[in-house]
Structure formats: structure tokens, C-alpha cells
């Protein structure tokens, strides 16, 4: 009987699960709104630089004579 009473007190100290998950959803939305902006991911930047290098090497015979 004493242990059941202690367990009830311990459960009452914590918020219900629905309230806990509600707070988590709100914080995720804040992070999404905060993170949006003009931000270019690093992978896209590296992909752009790589493709530019490949394109430059492929078209080198066309514009290579201009440098000499």
C-alpha cells in the first residue's frame, strides 16, 4: 500500500505525455522557421564547384587558345 502511494506521487510529478509531446512539436516548428533563409547546403556548393570544374575541362579546347 505504501509503495503504491509513492508511485502515484512520482507519476503526478511528471506532466502527461500529450503535454510533453506538444512542447516538442512547438520547438521543432520554431527551429524550422528559424533555420529558413538564404542558406546553401555545403553539398550543393561542392556539387556546383565539381560540375564547374568538369565543364571547364571539357570545354578547354574551345577557350584554351585565348589564354596564349
C-alpha atoms as a PDB file:
ATOM      1  CA  UNK A   1       0.000   0.000   0.000  1.00  0.00           C
ATOM      2  CA  UNK A   2       2.806   2.409   0.843  1.00  0.00           C
ATOM      3  CA  UNK A   3       4.620   1.661  -2.414  1.00  0.00           C
ATOM      4  CA  UNK A   4       1.508   2.322  -4.493  1.00  0.00           C
ATOM      5  CA  UNK A   5       1.096   5.716  -2.815  1.00  0.00           C
ATOM      6  CA  UNK A   6       4.745   6.621  -3.540  1.00  0.00           C
ATOM      7  CA  UNK A   7       4.332   5.557  -7.152  1.00  0.00           C
ATOM      8  CA  UNK A   8       1.261   7.770  -7.576  1.00  0.00           C
ATOM      9  CA  UNK A   9       3.155  10.756  -6.167  1.00  0.00           C
ATOM     10  CA  UNK A  10       6.040  10.102  -8.530  1.00  0.00           C
ATOM     11  CA  UNK A  11       3.682   9.893 -11.542  1.00  0.00           C
ATOM     12  CA  UNK A  12       1.926  13.093 -10.508  1.00  0.00           C
ATOM     13  CA  UNK A  13       5.261  14.943 -10.556  1.00  0.00           C
ATOM     14  CA  UNK A  14       5.605  14.463 -14.317  1.00  0.00           C
ATOM     15  CA  UNK A  15       3.417  16.133 -16.960  1.00  0.00           C
ATOM     16  CA  UNK A  16       1.197  13.920 -19.113  1.00  0.00           C
ATOM     17  CA  UNK A  17       2.735  12.563 -22.301  1.00  0.00           C
ATOM     18  CA  UNK A  18       0.488  14.644 -24.523  1.00  0.00           C
ATOM     19  CA  UNK A  19       1.784  17.860 -22.952  1.00  0.00           C
ATOM     20  CA  UNK A  20       5.382  16.689 -23.301  1.00  0.00           C
ATOM     21  CA  UNK A  21       4.960  15.863 -26.980  1.00  0.00           C
ATOM     22  CA  UNK A  22       3.054  19.091 -27.637  1.00  0.00           C
ATOM     23  CA  UNK A  23       6.012  21.104 -26.380  1.00  0.00           C
ATOM     24  CA  UNK A  24       8.356  19.089 -28.578  1.00  0.00           C
ATOM     25  CA  UNK A  25       6.258  19.789 -31.697  1.00  0.00           C
ATOM     26  CA  UNK A  26       6.244  23.509 -30.987  1.00  0.00           C
ATOM     27  CA  UNK A  27      10.008  23.620 -30.544  1.00  0.00           C
ATOM     28  CA  UNK A  28      10.540  21.773 -33.862  1.00  0.00           C
ATOM     29  CA  UNK A  29       8.396  24.330 -35.681  1.00  0.00           C
ATOM     30  CA  UNK A  30      10.433  27.128 -34.159  1.00  0.00           C
ATOM     31  CA  UNK A  31      13.653  25.520 -35.353  1.00  0.00           C
ATOM     32  CA  UNK A  32      12.294  25.147 -38.869  1.00  0.00           C
ATOM     33  CA  UNK A  33      11.172  28.764 -39.015  1.00  0.00           C
ATOM     34  CA  UNK A  34      14.425  29.974 -37.521  1.00  0.00           C
ATOM     35  CA  UNK A  35      16.584  27.913 -39.884  1.00  0.00           C
ATOM     36  CA  UNK A  36      14.929  29.078 -43.087  1.00  0.00           C
ATOM     37  CA  UNK A  37      16.594  31.796 -45.028  1.00  0.00           C
ATOM     38  CA  UNK A  38      19.134  32.102 -47.819  1.00  0.00           C
ATOM     39  CA  UNK A  39      21.251  29.175 -46.751  1.00  0.00           C
ATOM     40  CA  UNK A  40      23.043  26.990 -49.316  1.00  0.00           C
ATOM     41  CA  UNK A  41      23.885  23.492 -48.123  1.00  0.00           C
ATOM     42  CA  UNK A  42      27.538  22.529 -48.304  1.00  0.00           C
ATOM     43  CA  UNK A  43      26.870  19.518 -50.556  1.00  0.00           C
ATOM     44  CA  UNK A  44      25.207  21.683 -53.186  1.00  0.00           C
ATOM     45  CA  UNK A  45      28.156  24.073 -53.128  1.00  0.00           C
ATOM     46  CA  UNK A  46      30.643  21.227 -53.627  1.00  0.00           C
ATOM     47  CA  UNK A  47      28.494  19.765 -56.414  1.00  0.00           C
ATOM     48  CA  UNK A  48      28.390  23.124 -58.193  1.00  0.00           C
ATOM     49  CA  UNK A  49      32.164  23.540 -57.926  1.00  0.00           C
ATOM     50  CA  UNK A  50      32.801  19.977 -59.163  1.00  0.00           C
ATOM     51  CA  UNK A  51      30.470  20.353 -62.145  1.00  0.00           C
ATOM     52  CA  UNK A  52      32.041  23.707 -62.989  1.00  0.00           C
ATOM     53  CA  UNK A  53      35.481  22.099 -62.969  1.00  0.00           C
ATOM     54  CA  UNK A  54      34.303  19.249 -65.226  1.00  0.00           C
ATOM     55  CA  UNK A  55      32.610  21.664 -67.599  1.00  0.00           C
ATOM     56  CA  UNK A  56      35.702  23.855 -67.712  1.00  0.00           C
ATOM     57  CA  UNK A  57      37.936  20.897 -68.510  1.00  0.00           C
ATOM     58  CA  UNK A  58      35.539  19.625 -71.200  1.00  0.00           C
ATOM     59  CA  UNK A  59      35.398  22.999 -72.954  1.00  0.00           C
ATOM     60  CA  UNK A  60      39.109  23.788 -72.538  1.00  0.00           C
ATOM     61  CA  UNK A  61      39.935  23.150 -76.210  1.00  0.00           C
ATOM     62  CA  UNK A  62      37.442  25.866 -77.172  1.00  0.00           C
ATOM     63  CA  UNK A  63      38.722  28.636 -74.894  1.00  0.00           C
ATOM     64  CA  UNK A  64      42.242  27.367 -74.185  1.00  0.00           C
ATOM     65  CA  UNK A  65      43.729  29.181 -77.183  1.00  0.00           C
ATOM     66  CA  UNK A  66      42.529  32.533 -75.829  1.00  0.00           C
ATOM     67  CA  UNK A  67      44.909  32.314 -72.871  1.00  0.00           C
ATOM     68  CA  UNK A  68      48.059  32.070 -75.070  1.00  0.00           C
END
